[in-house]
N, C-alpha and C. Protein backbone atom coordinates (compact mmCIF):
# COMPACT_ATOMS: atom_id res chain seq x y z
N MET A 1 -92.41 -64.05 -183.05
CA MET A 1 -92.48 -62.73 -183.66
C MET A 1 -93.20 -62.85 -185.01
N THR A 2 -94.24 -62.07 -185.17
CA THR A 2 -94.98 -62.08 -186.43
C THR A 2 -94.71 -60.80 -187.19
N LEU A 3 -94.58 -60.95 -188.48
CA LEU A 3 -94.38 -59.78 -189.35
C LEU A 3 -95.75 -59.26 -189.76
N GLU A 4 -95.94 -57.98 -189.58
CA GLU A 4 -97.20 -57.37 -189.98
C GLU A 4 -96.98 -56.61 -191.28
N ILE A 5 -97.67 -57.05 -192.32
CA ILE A 5 -97.57 -56.41 -193.63
C ILE A 5 -98.82 -55.59 -193.85
N LYS A 6 -98.63 -54.31 -194.15
CA LYS A 6 -99.77 -53.43 -194.40
C LYS A 6 -100.08 -53.45 -195.89
N LEU A 7 -101.28 -53.91 -196.22
CA LEU A 7 -101.72 -53.96 -197.61
C LEU A 7 -102.81 -52.95 -197.85
N ASP A 8 -102.72 -52.27 -198.97
CA ASP A 8 -103.81 -51.41 -199.43
C ASP A 8 -104.58 -52.19 -200.49
N LYS A 9 -105.87 -51.92 -200.58
CA LYS A 9 -106.72 -52.63 -201.54
C LYS A 9 -107.56 -51.61 -202.28
N ALA A 10 -107.74 -51.84 -203.58
CA ALA A 10 -108.57 -50.96 -204.40
C ALA A 10 -109.39 -51.80 -205.37
N ASN A 11 -110.63 -51.43 -205.54
CA ASN A 11 -111.49 -52.05 -206.55
C ASN A 11 -111.39 -51.22 -207.82
N LYS A 12 -111.17 -51.87 -208.92
CA LYS A 12 -110.96 -51.18 -210.20
C LYS A 12 -111.89 -51.72 -211.27
N HIS A 13 -112.05 -50.94 -212.32
CA HIS A 13 -112.78 -51.36 -213.51
C HIS A 13 -112.01 -50.88 -214.72
N CYS A 14 -111.64 -51.79 -215.59
CA CYS A 14 -110.91 -51.45 -216.81
C CYS A 14 -111.93 -51.21 -217.92
N SER A 15 -111.93 -50.02 -218.48
CA SER A 15 -112.87 -49.70 -219.56
C SER A 15 -112.42 -50.29 -220.89
N ASN A 16 -111.17 -50.70 -220.99
CA ASN A 16 -110.66 -51.27 -222.23
C ASN A 16 -111.12 -52.73 -222.41
N CYS A 17 -110.90 -53.57 -221.40
CA CYS A 17 -111.29 -54.99 -221.51
C CYS A 17 -112.55 -55.29 -220.70
N ASP A 18 -113.19 -54.25 -220.12
CA ASP A 18 -114.44 -54.35 -219.38
C ASP A 18 -114.36 -55.41 -218.27
N THR A 19 -113.29 -55.34 -217.48
CA THR A 19 -113.07 -56.28 -216.38
C THR A 19 -113.10 -55.54 -215.06
N LYS A 20 -113.82 -56.09 -214.09
CA LYS A 20 -113.81 -55.57 -212.72
C LYS A 20 -112.88 -56.46 -211.91
N TYR A 21 -112.00 -55.84 -211.14
CA TYR A 21 -111.04 -56.61 -210.34
C TYR A 21 -110.66 -55.81 -209.11
N SER A 22 -110.05 -56.49 -208.17
CA SER A 22 -109.50 -55.82 -207.00
C SER A 22 -108.01 -56.11 -206.95
N VAL A 23 -107.26 -55.16 -206.45
CA VAL A 23 -105.82 -55.31 -206.38
C VAL A 23 -105.35 -54.93 -204.98
N GLU A 24 -104.41 -55.71 -204.44
CA GLU A 24 -103.80 -55.42 -203.14
C GLU A 24 -102.31 -55.27 -203.34
N TRP A 25 -101.70 -54.32 -202.60
CA TRP A 25 -100.26 -54.14 -202.70
C TRP A 25 -99.69 -53.74 -201.36
N ASP A 26 -98.44 -54.07 -201.17
CA ASP A 26 -97.72 -53.80 -199.93
C ASP A 26 -97.25 -52.35 -199.97
N THR A 27 -97.77 -51.52 -199.07
CA THR A 27 -97.42 -50.10 -199.07
C THR A 27 -95.99 -49.85 -198.60
N GLU A 28 -95.37 -50.82 -197.94
CA GLU A 28 -93.97 -50.68 -197.54
C GLU A 28 -93.05 -50.75 -198.77
N GLU A 29 -93.46 -51.52 -199.76
CA GLU A 29 -92.65 -51.69 -200.97
C GLU A 29 -93.05 -50.75 -202.09
N GLN A 30 -94.35 -50.49 -202.20
CA GLN A 30 -94.86 -49.65 -203.29
C GLN A 30 -95.92 -48.72 -202.73
N ASP A 31 -95.62 -47.43 -202.64
CA ASP A 31 -96.57 -46.49 -202.04
C ASP A 31 -97.56 -45.92 -203.05
N LEU A 32 -97.34 -46.14 -204.34
CA LEU A 32 -98.26 -45.65 -205.36
C LEU A 32 -99.30 -46.71 -205.70
N GLU A 33 -100.51 -46.27 -205.98
CA GLU A 33 -101.57 -47.19 -206.37
C GLU A 33 -101.30 -47.70 -207.79
N PRO A 34 -101.48 -49.00 -208.03
CA PRO A 34 -101.28 -49.54 -209.39
C PRO A 34 -102.20 -48.85 -210.39
N LEU A 35 -101.65 -48.45 -211.52
CA LEU A 35 -102.40 -47.65 -212.49
C LEU A 35 -102.74 -48.40 -213.78
N THR A 36 -102.27 -49.63 -213.94
CA THR A 36 -102.55 -50.36 -215.18
C THR A 36 -103.33 -51.63 -214.89
N CYS A 37 -104.14 -52.03 -215.85
CA CYS A 37 -104.92 -53.26 -215.75
C CYS A 37 -103.97 -54.45 -215.84
N PRO A 38 -104.05 -55.40 -214.91
CA PRO A 38 -103.16 -56.55 -214.96
C PRO A 38 -103.49 -57.52 -216.08
N PHE A 39 -104.64 -57.36 -216.73
CA PHE A 39 -105.07 -58.28 -217.77
C PHE A 39 -104.71 -57.80 -219.17
N CYS A 40 -104.87 -56.50 -219.42
CA CYS A 40 -104.60 -55.99 -220.78
C CYS A 40 -103.53 -54.90 -220.82
N GLY A 41 -103.14 -54.36 -219.65
CA GLY A 41 -102.10 -53.34 -219.60
C GLY A 41 -102.60 -51.92 -219.83
N TYR A 42 -103.89 -51.74 -220.01
CA TYR A 42 -104.48 -50.42 -220.25
C TYR A 42 -104.38 -49.58 -218.98
N GLU A 43 -104.13 -48.29 -219.12
CA GLU A 43 -104.04 -47.41 -217.95
C GLU A 43 -105.44 -47.14 -217.40
N VAL A 44 -105.63 -47.49 -216.14
CA VAL A 44 -106.93 -47.35 -215.48
C VAL A 44 -106.95 -46.02 -214.76
N GLU A 45 -108.09 -45.31 -214.84
CA GLU A 45 -108.22 -44.01 -214.20
C GLU A 45 -108.31 -44.15 -212.69
N LEU A 46 -107.82 -43.15 -211.98
CA LEU A 46 -107.97 -43.11 -210.53
C LEU A 46 -109.41 -42.77 -210.18
N ASP A 47 -109.87 -43.26 -209.04
CA ASP A 47 -111.25 -43.04 -208.64
C ASP A 47 -111.55 -41.57 -208.36
N ASP A 48 -110.60 -40.84 -207.78
CA ASP A 48 -110.86 -39.45 -207.40
C ASP A 48 -110.29 -38.46 -208.42
N GLU A 49 -109.94 -38.91 -209.62
CA GLU A 49 -109.38 -38.03 -210.63
C GLU A 49 -110.39 -36.97 -211.07
N GLU A 50 -111.67 -37.33 -211.15
CA GLU A 50 -112.69 -36.36 -211.56
C GLU A 50 -112.81 -35.23 -210.55
N ASP A 51 -112.70 -35.55 -209.27
CA ASP A 51 -112.78 -34.52 -208.23
C ASP A 51 -111.66 -33.52 -208.37
N VAL A 52 -110.47 -33.98 -208.69
CA VAL A 52 -109.31 -33.10 -208.84
C VAL A 52 -109.52 -32.18 -210.04
N GLU A 53 -109.99 -32.72 -211.16
CA GLU A 53 -110.21 -31.92 -212.35
C GLU A 53 -111.27 -30.85 -212.09
N GLU A 54 -112.36 -31.21 -211.44
CA GLU A 54 -113.41 -30.24 -211.15
C GLU A 54 -112.90 -29.12 -210.25
N ARG A 55 -112.06 -29.45 -209.32
CA ARG A 55 -111.54 -28.45 -208.38
C ARG A 55 -110.72 -27.41 -209.13
N TYR A 56 -109.93 -27.83 -210.11
CA TYR A 56 -109.11 -26.87 -210.85
C TYR A 56 -109.90 -26.16 -211.94
N GLU A 57 -110.88 -26.81 -212.54
CA GLU A 57 -111.66 -26.17 -213.58
C GLU A 57 -112.57 -25.08 -213.02
N SER A 58 -113.05 -25.25 -211.81
CA SER A 58 -113.97 -24.27 -211.25
C SER A 58 -113.26 -23.13 -210.52
N SER A 59 -111.96 -23.11 -210.56
CA SER A 59 -111.20 -22.08 -209.86
C SER A 59 -111.26 -20.76 -210.61
N ASP A 60 -111.62 -19.67 -209.91
CA ASP A 60 -111.68 -18.35 -210.52
C ASP A 60 -110.33 -17.66 -210.49
N GLU A 61 -109.37 -18.22 -209.81
CA GLU A 61 -108.05 -17.61 -209.70
C GLU A 61 -107.29 -17.61 -211.02
N ASP A 62 -107.67 -18.49 -211.95
CA ASP A 62 -106.98 -18.57 -213.23
C ASP A 62 -107.15 -17.30 -214.06
N ASP A 63 -108.20 -16.52 -213.81
CA ASP A 63 -108.46 -15.32 -214.58
C ASP A 63 -107.65 -14.11 -214.09
N SER A 64 -107.00 -14.23 -212.97
CA SER A 64 -106.31 -13.09 -212.38
C SER A 64 -104.79 -13.10 -212.63
N TRP A 65 -104.38 -13.51 -213.80
CA TRP A 65 -102.95 -13.57 -214.11
C TRP A 65 -102.39 -12.19 -214.44
N ASN A 66 -103.21 -11.30 -214.93
CA ASN A 66 -102.72 -9.96 -215.34
C ASN A 66 -102.74 -8.99 -214.21
């Protein structure tokens, strides 16, 4: 019987210490993507964070509160 461990992998770039690295984590134990640089501890931005911000900034629904 073999245990199958599902790992997620992400390539990151820390703008604080200017390091490129990849990180793998077991999604059974940790379902959130690691958010800090393992070398300096700086909070690293998510890759799709800009897409989320643009989606909310371009929304015309914000003007219809009244």
